[in-house]
């Protein structure tokens, strides 16, 4: 576990430089969670991680660069082409089965993050809709 945290701190820098964000702290926290999740799910060794994450950073920047003004099918095809191109590179490092697992776990992580963000928005909206005291102050929830 100690190695995982050490590895996590060493690798956090890869995602931080990939793309500037409106809120860098949130971006870095999400990137750190992502790295920890993928590292744990794929059971990456230190050696594998040292090789995997730099290639992943390239992969991630290409995925993020897919044009958003294209049609949905064109975006999906462009992303699929990138995934197929990187499949071989990932397979050389972690093998074909864990490469397949990576694409599955990557999608799972993204779905979990979207669900969590929705929950947080709903909680914030719920707090904003709470009744105010007669003097206009928030009741201190």
N, C-alpha and C. Protein backbone atom coordinates (compact mmCIF):
# COMPACT_ATOMS: atom_id res chain seq x y z
N UNK A 1 0.82 -1.19 0.00
CA UNK A 1 0.00 0.00 0.00
C UNK A 1 0.88 1.26 0.00
N UNK A 2 1.98 1.20 0.76
CA UNK A 2 2.88 2.34 0.80
C UNK A 2 3.45 2.62 -0.58
N UNK A 3 3.78 1.53 -1.32
CA UNK A 3 4.29 1.70 -2.69
C UNK A 3 3.26 2.36 -3.59
N UNK A 4 1.99 1.99 -3.39
CA UNK A 4 0.92 2.57 -4.21
C UNK A 4 0.85 4.08 -4.00
N UNK A 5 0.93 4.52 -2.73
CA UNK A 5 0.87 5.95 -2.45
C UNK A 5 2.10 6.68 -2.98
N UNK A 6 3.27 6.07 -2.83
CA UNK A 6 4.48 6.67 -3.38
C UNK A 6 4.37 6.80 -4.89
N UNK A 7 3.92 5.72 -5.51
CA UNK A 7 3.74 5.72 -6.96
C UNK A 7 2.71 6.76 -7.37
N UNK A 8 1.64 6.86 -6.60
CA UNK A 8 0.59 7.83 -6.89
C UNK A 8 1.14 9.25 -6.89
N UNK A 9 1.93 9.60 -5.88
CA UNK A 9 2.47 10.94 -5.81
C UNK A 9 3.46 11.22 -6.95
N UNK A 10 4.24 10.22 -7.33
CA UNK A 10 5.17 10.39 -8.43
C UNK A 10 4.45 10.58 -9.76
N UNK A 11 3.33 9.89 -9.92
CA UNK A 11 2.64 9.90 -11.20
C UNK A 11 1.59 11.00 -11.33
N UNK A 12 1.24 11.63 -10.25
CA UNK A 12 0.21 12.68 -10.32
C UNK A 12 0.58 13.79 -11.28
N UNK A 13 1.84 14.03 -11.43
CA UNK A 13 2.28 15.10 -12.31
C UNK A 13 1.93 14.89 -13.77
N UNK A 14 1.81 13.64 -14.22
CA UNK A 14 1.53 13.39 -15.64
C UNK A 14 0.23 14.04 -16.09
N UNK A 15 -0.82 13.86 -15.34
CA UNK A 15 -2.12 14.40 -15.72
C UNK A 15 -2.21 15.89 -15.52
N UNK A 16 -1.47 16.41 -14.57
CA UNK A 16 -1.56 17.83 -14.27
C UNK A 16 -1.08 18.70 -15.43
N UNK A 17 -0.18 18.17 -16.24
CA UNK A 17 0.36 18.95 -17.35
C UNK A 17 -0.40 18.71 -18.65
N UNK A 18 -1.30 17.75 -18.66
CA UNK A 18 -1.97 17.36 -19.90
C UNK A 18 -2.87 18.47 -20.44
N UNK A 19 -3.64 19.12 -19.56
CA UNK A 19 -4.56 20.12 -20.04
C UNK A 19 -4.91 21.06 -18.89
N UNK A 20 -4.80 22.38 -19.06
CA UNK A 20 -5.15 23.28 -17.99
C UNK A 20 -6.64 23.22 -17.69
N UNK A 21 -6.98 23.38 -16.44
CA UNK A 21 -8.38 23.29 -16.03
C UNK A 21 -8.80 24.59 -15.37
N UNK A 22 -10.12 24.79 -15.31
CA UNK A 22 -10.67 25.97 -14.65
C UNK A 22 -10.34 25.93 -13.16
N UNK A 23 -10.40 24.76 -12.56
CA UNK A 23 -10.07 24.59 -11.15
C UNK A 23 -9.00 23.51 -11.05
N UNK A 24 -7.72 23.91 -11.02
CA UNK A 24 -6.64 22.92 -11.07
C UNK A 24 -6.66 21.96 -9.89
N UNK A 25 -7.08 22.39 -8.70
CA UNK A 25 -7.11 21.49 -7.56
C UNK A 25 -8.08 20.34 -7.78
N UNK A 26 -9.26 20.63 -8.30
CA UNK A 26 -10.22 19.57 -8.58
C UNK A 26 -9.69 18.63 -9.65
N UNK A 27 -9.09 19.19 -10.68
CA UNK A 27 -8.52 18.39 -11.76
C UNK A 27 -7.43 17.48 -11.22
N UNK A 28 -6.58 17.99 -10.37
CA UNK A 28 -5.50 17.19 -9.80
C UNK A 28 -6.04 16.09 -8.88
N UNK A 29 -7.06 16.42 -8.11
CA UNK A 29 -7.65 15.41 -7.22
C UNK A 29 -8.30 14.29 -8.03
N UNK A 30 -9.01 14.65 -9.06
CA UNK A 30 -9.65 13.64 -9.92
C UNK A 30 -8.58 12.80 -10.60
N UNK A 31 -7.52 13.45 -11.08
CA UNK A 31 -6.43 12.73 -11.74
C UNK A 31 -5.76 11.78 -10.76
N UNK A 32 -5.55 12.21 -9.53
CA UNK A 32 -4.94 11.33 -8.52
C UNK A 32 -5.84 10.14 -8.22
N UNK A 33 -7.15 10.38 -8.11
CA UNK A 33 -8.10 9.29 -7.89
C UNK A 33 -8.08 8.31 -9.06
N UNK A 34 -8.04 8.85 -10.26
CA UNK A 34 -8.01 8.04 -11.46
C UNK A 34 -6.77 7.15 -11.50
N UNK A 35 -5.62 7.75 -11.24
CA UNK A 35 -4.36 6.99 -11.26
C UNK A 35 -4.39 5.89 -10.21
N UNK A 36 -4.85 6.22 -9.02
CA UNK A 36 -4.93 5.21 -7.95
C UNK A 36 -5.89 4.09 -8.34
N UNK A 37 -7.03 4.47 -8.88
CA UNK A 37 -8.05 3.48 -9.26
C UNK A 37 -7.53 2.54 -10.35
N UNK A 38 -6.99 3.09 -11.41
CA UNK A 38 -6.49 2.27 -12.52
C UNK A 38 -5.30 1.43 -12.07
N UNK A 39 -4.39 2.01 -11.30
CA UNK A 39 -3.23 1.28 -10.81
C UNK A 39 -3.67 0.09 -9.97
N UNK A 40 -4.64 0.31 -9.11
CA UNK A 40 -5.13 -0.76 -8.24
C UNK A 40 -5.90 -1.80 -9.04
N UNK A 41 -6.80 -1.37 -9.91
CA UNK A 41 -7.63 -2.30 -10.66
C UNK A 41 -6.81 -3.18 -11.60
N UNK A 42 -5.78 -2.61 -12.20
CA UNK A 42 -4.93 -3.37 -13.13
C UNK A 42 -3.77 -4.07 -12.42
N UNK A 43 -3.63 -3.76 -11.12
CA UNK A 43 -2.53 -4.32 -10.34
C UNK A 43 -1.18 -4.07 -11.02
N UNK A 44 -0.96 -2.81 -11.35
CA UNK A 44 0.28 -2.42 -12.02
C UNK A 44 1.46 -2.51 -11.06
N UNK A 45 2.55 -3.09 -11.52
CA UNK A 45 3.78 -3.06 -10.75
C UNK A 45 4.42 -1.69 -10.95
N UNK A 46 5.43 -1.40 -10.15
CA UNK A 46 6.12 -0.11 -10.30
C UNK A 46 6.72 0.02 -11.70
N UNK A 47 7.33 -1.05 -12.18
CA UNK A 47 7.95 -1.02 -13.51
C UNK A 47 6.90 -0.80 -14.60
N UNK A 48 5.78 -1.51 -14.48
CA UNK A 48 4.70 -1.34 -15.47
C UNK A 48 4.15 0.07 -15.42
N UNK A 49 3.97 0.58 -14.21
CA UNK A 49 3.42 1.93 -14.06
C UNK A 49 4.34 2.99 -14.68
N UNK A 50 5.63 2.82 -14.49
CA UNK A 50 6.60 3.78 -15.06
C UNK A 50 6.51 3.82 -16.58
N UNK A 51 6.17 2.70 -17.18
CA UNK A 51 6.04 2.63 -18.64
C UNK A 51 4.64 3.01 -19.10
N UNK A 52 3.65 2.60 -18.32
CA UNK A 52 2.24 2.77 -18.71
C UNK A 52 1.80 4.23 -18.67
N UNK A 53 2.06 4.93 -17.57
CA UNK A 53 1.48 6.26 -17.38
C UNK A 53 1.97 7.32 -18.38
N UNK A 54 3.23 7.32 -18.80
CA UNK A 54 3.61 8.30 -19.84
C UNK A 54 2.87 8.06 -21.16
N UNK A 55 2.70 6.79 -21.53
CA UNK A 55 1.95 6.49 -22.76
C UNK A 55 0.48 6.85 -22.56
N UNK A 56 -0.04 6.59 -21.37
CA UNK A 56 -1.42 6.96 -21.08
C UNK A 56 -1.62 8.46 -21.19
N UNK A 57 -0.64 9.24 -20.77
CA UNK A 57 -0.76 10.71 -20.87
C UNK A 57 -0.91 11.13 -22.33
N UNK A 58 -0.16 10.50 -23.22
CA UNK A 58 -0.29 10.78 -24.65
C UNK A 58 -1.68 10.37 -25.15
N UNK A 59 -2.10 9.18 -24.74
CA UNK A 59 -3.42 8.66 -25.11
C UNK A 59 -4.52 9.63 -24.65
N UNK A 60 -4.43 10.04 -23.40
CA UNK A 60 -5.44 10.92 -22.82
C UNK A 60 -5.51 12.26 -23.55
N UNK A 61 -4.36 12.80 -23.89
CA UNK A 61 -4.37 14.10 -24.60
C UNK A 61 -4.99 13.96 -25.99
N UNK A 62 -4.76 12.83 -26.65
CA UNK A 62 -5.39 12.60 -27.95
C UNK A 62 -6.90 12.43 -27.82
N UNK A 63 -7.33 11.70 -26.81
CA UNK A 63 -8.77 11.50 -26.58
C UNK A 63 -9.43 12.85 -26.30
N UNK A 64 -8.80 13.67 -25.47
CA UNK A 64 -9.36 14.98 -25.14
C UNK A 64 -9.39 15.92 -26.34
N UNK A 65 -8.51 15.68 -27.31
CA UNK A 65 -8.42 16.55 -28.48
C UNK A 65 -9.43 16.21 -29.57
N UNK A 66 -10.21 15.14 -29.37
CA UNK A 66 -11.23 14.78 -30.37
C UNK A 66 -12.18 15.97 -30.49
N UNK A 67 -12.44 16.37 -31.72
CA UNK A 67 -13.24 17.57 -31.96
C UNK A 67 -14.66 17.40 -31.45
N UNK A 68 -15.08 18.38 -30.67
CA UNK A 68 -16.43 18.34 -30.11
C UNK A 68 -17.47 18.89 -31.08
N UNK A 69 -17.02 19.57 -32.12
CA UNK A 69 -17.99 20.12 -33.07
C UNK A 69 -18.37 19.14 -34.17
N UNK A 70 -17.78 17.94 -34.14
CA UNK A 70 -18.11 16.91 -35.12
C UNK A 70 -19.40 16.20 -34.69
N UNK A 71 -19.95 15.42 -35.59
CA UNK A 71 -21.15 14.66 -35.24
C UNK A 71 -20.80 13.61 -34.19
N UNK A 72 -21.81 13.13 -33.49
CA UNK A 72 -21.60 12.13 -32.43
C UNK A 72 -20.90 10.88 -32.98
N UNK A 73 -21.32 10.40 -34.11
CA UNK A 73 -20.70 9.20 -34.68
C UNK A 73 -19.25 9.46 -35.07
N UNK A 74 -18.97 10.65 -35.60
CA UNK A 74 -17.59 10.98 -35.95
C UNK A 74 -16.70 11.05 -34.70
N UNK A 75 -17.24 11.62 -33.61
CA UNK A 75 -16.48 11.67 -32.34
C UNK A 75 -16.21 10.26 -31.82
N UNK A 76 -17.24 9.42 -31.85
CA UNK A 76 -17.06 8.05 -31.37
C UNK A 76 -16.05 7.29 -32.22
N UNK A 77 -16.11 7.48 -33.53
CA UNK A 77 -15.17 6.80 -34.43
C UNK A 77 -13.75 7.28 -34.20
N UNK A 78 -13.58 8.58 -34.01
CA UNK A 78 -12.25 9.12 -33.75
C UNK A 78 -11.68 8.56 -32.44
N UNK A 79 -12.52 8.49 -31.41
CA UNK A 79 -12.08 7.93 -30.12
C UNK A 79 -11.73 6.45 -30.28
N UNK A 80 -12.54 5.72 -31.02
CA UNK A 80 -12.28 4.29 -31.25
C UNK A 80 -10.96 4.09 -31.99
N UNK A 81 -10.70 4.93 -32.98
CA UNK A 81 -9.44 4.83 -33.73
C UNK A 81 -8.24 5.05 -32.80
N UNK A 82 -8.36 6.02 -31.91
CA UNK A 82 -7.27 6.29 -30.95
C UNK A 82 -7.09 5.09 -30.03
N UNK A 83 -8.18 4.54 -29.52
CA UNK A 83 -8.11 3.39 -28.62
C UNK A 83 -7.45 2.20 -29.32
N UNK A 84 -7.81 1.96 -30.56
CA UNK A 84 -7.21 0.84 -31.31
C UNK A 84 -5.72 1.06 -31.52
N UNK A 85 -5.34 2.30 -31.76
CA UNK A 85 -3.92 2.62 -31.98
C UNK A 85 -3.12 2.39 -30.70
N UNK A 86 -3.68 2.75 -29.56
CA UNK A 86 -2.97 2.61 -28.29
C UNK A 86 -3.09 1.21 -27.70
N UNK A 87 -4.04 0.42 -28.18
CA UNK A 87 -4.22 -0.93 -27.67
C UNK A 87 -2.92 -1.74 -27.76
N UNK A 88 -2.25 -1.67 -28.88
CA UNK A 88 -1.00 -2.41 -29.06
C UNK A 88 0.09 -1.90 -28.13
N UNK A 89 0.17 -0.58 -27.98
CA UNK A 89 1.20 0.00 -27.11
C UNK A 89 0.97 -0.41 -25.65
N UNK A 90 -0.28 -0.36 -25.21
CA UNK A 90 -0.59 -0.79 -23.84
C UNK A 90 -0.33 -2.28 -23.66
N UNK A 91 -0.69 -3.08 -24.67
CA UNK A 91 -0.52 -4.53 -24.59
C UNK A 91 0.93 -4.93 -24.42
N UNK A 92 1.85 -4.19 -25.02
CA UNK A 92 3.27 -4.50 -24.87
C UNK A 92 3.74 -4.32 -23.43
N UNK A 93 3.05 -3.48 -22.69
CA UNK A 93 3.45 -3.19 -21.30
C UNK A 93 2.70 -4.08 -20.31
N UNK A 94 1.38 -4.19 -20.48
CA UNK A 94 0.57 -4.89 -19.46
C UNK A 94 -0.14 -6.13 -19.99
N UNK A 95 0.05 -6.44 -21.25
CA UNK A 95 -0.58 -7.62 -21.82
C UNK A 95 -1.97 -7.33 -22.36
N UNK A 96 -2.47 -8.20 -23.26
CA UNK A 96 -3.76 -7.95 -23.91
C UNK A 96 -4.96 -7.98 -22.96
N UNK A 97 -4.97 -8.90 -21.97
CA UNK A 97 -6.12 -8.99 -21.07
C UNK A 97 -6.24 -7.75 -20.19
N UNK A 98 -5.12 -7.32 -19.61
CA UNK A 98 -5.18 -6.12 -18.76
C UNK A 98 -5.40 -4.86 -19.60
N UNK A 99 -5.01 -4.87 -20.85
CA UNK A 99 -5.33 -3.74 -21.73
C UNK A 99 -6.83 -3.66 -21.92
N UNK A 100 -7.45 -4.79 -22.17
CA UNK A 100 -8.90 -4.83 -22.29
C UNK A 100 -9.55 -4.37 -20.97
N UNK A 101 -9.01 -4.86 -19.86
CA UNK A 101 -9.52 -4.44 -18.55
C UNK A 101 -9.36 -2.94 -18.36
N UNK A 102 -8.25 -2.37 -18.85
CA UNK A 102 -8.04 -0.93 -18.73
C UNK A 102 -9.18 -0.16 -19.39
N UNK A 103 -9.52 -0.53 -20.61
CA UNK A 103 -10.58 0.20 -21.31
C UNK A 103 -11.91 0.07 -20.57
N UNK A 104 -12.16 -1.09 -19.98
CA UNK A 104 -13.39 -1.29 -19.19
C UNK A 104 -13.34 -0.43 -17.94
N UNK A 105 -12.25 -0.50 -17.20
CA UNK A 105 -12.12 0.24 -15.93
C UNK A 105 -12.09 1.74 -16.17
N UNK A 106 -11.53 2.17 -17.28
CA UNK A 106 -11.52 3.59 -17.62
C UNK A 106 -12.96 4.09 -17.77
N UNK A 107 -13.78 3.34 -18.49
CA UNK A 107 -15.18 3.71 -18.65
C UNK A 107 -15.94 3.68 -17.34
N UNK A 108 -15.67 2.68 -16.51
CA UNK A 108 -16.33 2.58 -15.21
C UNK A 108 -15.99 3.79 -14.34
N UNK A 109 -14.72 4.18 -14.33
CA UNK A 109 -14.30 5.32 -13.52
C UNK A 109 -15.03 6.58 -13.98
N UNK A 110 -15.09 6.79 -15.26
CA UNK A 110 -15.75 7.99 -15.80
C UNK A 110 -17.24 8.01 -15.43
N UNK A 111 -17.90 6.85 -15.52
CA UNK A 111 -19.32 6.77 -15.14
C UNK A 111 -19.50 7.07 -13.66
N UNK A 112 -18.61 6.52 -12.82
CA UNK A 112 -18.69 6.78 -11.38
C UNK A 112 -18.51 8.26 -11.08
N UNK A 113 -17.57 8.90 -11.78
CA UNK A 113 -17.34 10.33 -11.55
C UNK A 113 -18.54 11.16 -11.97
N UNK A 114 -19.16 10.83 -13.09
CA UNK A 114 -20.35 11.55 -13.54
C UNK A 114 -21.48 11.38 -12.53
N UNK A 115 -21.68 10.15 -12.04
CA UNK A 115 -22.73 9.91 -11.03
C UNK A 115 -22.46 10.71 -9.77
N UNK A 116 -21.19 10.74 -9.33
CA UNK A 116 -20.83 11.47 -8.12
C UNK A 116 -21.06 12.97 -8.31
N UNK A 117 -20.71 13.50 -9.47
CA UNK A 117 -20.92 14.93 -9.73
C UNK A 117 -22.41 15.27 -9.73
N UNK A 118 -23.22 14.38 -10.29
CA UNK A 118 -24.67 14.59 -10.27
C UNK A 118 -25.20 14.62 -8.85
N UNK A 119 -24.72 13.70 -8.02
CA UNK A 119 -25.14 13.66 -6.62
C UNK A 119 -24.77 14.95 -5.90
N UNK A 120 -23.55 15.42 -6.13
CA UNK A 120 -23.11 16.65 -5.48
C UNK A 120 -23.94 17.85 -5.92
N UNK A 121 -24.28 17.91 -7.21
CA UNK A 121 -25.13 19.01 -7.70
C UNK A 121 -26.50 18.96 -7.06
N UNK A 122 -27.07 17.76 -6.97
CA UNK A 122 -28.38 17.62 -6.35
C UNK A 122 -28.34 18.02 -4.89
N UNK A 123 -27.27 17.65 -4.19
CA UNK A 123 -27.14 18.04 -2.79
C UNK A 123 -27.04 19.55 -2.65
N UNK A 124 -26.26 20.18 -3.53
CA UNK A 124 -26.13 21.64 -3.48
C UNK A 124 -27.45 22.33 -3.78
N UNK A 125 -28.18 21.80 -4.77
CA UNK A 125 -29.48 22.38 -5.10
C UNK A 125 -30.44 22.22 -3.93
N UNK A 126 -30.39 21.09 -3.27
CA UNK A 126 -31.24 20.85 -2.10
C UNK A 126 -30.93 21.83 -0.98
N UNK A 127 -29.65 22.13 -0.79
CA UNK A 127 -29.26 23.08 0.26
C UNK A 127 -29.70 24.49 -0.10
N UNK A 128 -29.67 24.83 -1.38
CA UNK A 128 -30.08 26.16 -1.80
C UNK A 128 -31.58 26.35 -1.71
N UNK A 129 -32.34 25.27 -1.72
CA UNK A 129 -33.79 25.35 -1.66
C UNK A 129 -34.34 25.22 -0.25
N UNK A 130 -33.48 25.15 0.76
CA UNK A 130 -33.94 25.04 2.15
C UNK A 130 -34.58 26.35 2.58
N UNK A 131 -35.55 26.27 3.47
CA UNK A 131 -36.25 27.48 3.92
C UNK A 131 -35.34 28.39 4.73
N UNK A 132 -35.58 29.68 4.62
CA UNK A 132 -34.82 30.67 5.36
C UNK A 132 -35.59 31.02 6.62
N UNK A 133 -34.87 31.50 7.64
CA UNK A 133 -35.52 31.99 8.86
C UNK A 133 -36.25 33.28 8.52
N UNK A 134 -37.11 33.69 9.40
CA UNK A 134 -37.89 34.91 9.17
C UNK A 134 -37.00 36.13 8.96
N UNK A 135 -35.86 36.18 9.61
CA UNK A 135 -34.98 37.33 9.45
C UNK A 135 -34.09 37.22 8.21
N UNK A 136 -34.29 36.16 7.36
CA UNK A 136 -33.58 36.03 6.11
C UNK A 136 -32.29 35.25 6.21
N UNK A 137 -31.98 34.77 7.42
CA UNK A 137 -30.73 34.02 7.59
C UNK A 137 -30.97 32.55 7.29
N UNK A 138 -29.92 31.90 6.88
CA UNK A 138 -29.96 30.46 6.67
C UNK A 138 -30.07 29.79 8.04
N UNK A 139 -30.91 28.77 8.20
CA UNK A 139 -31.10 28.15 9.51
C UNK A 139 -29.89 27.36 10.01
N UNK A 140 -28.78 27.38 9.32
CA UNK A 140 -27.55 26.78 9.81
C UNK A 140 -27.40 25.30 9.52
N UNK A 141 -27.89 24.87 8.42
CA UNK A 141 -27.76 23.45 8.07
C UNK A 141 -26.36 23.12 7.71
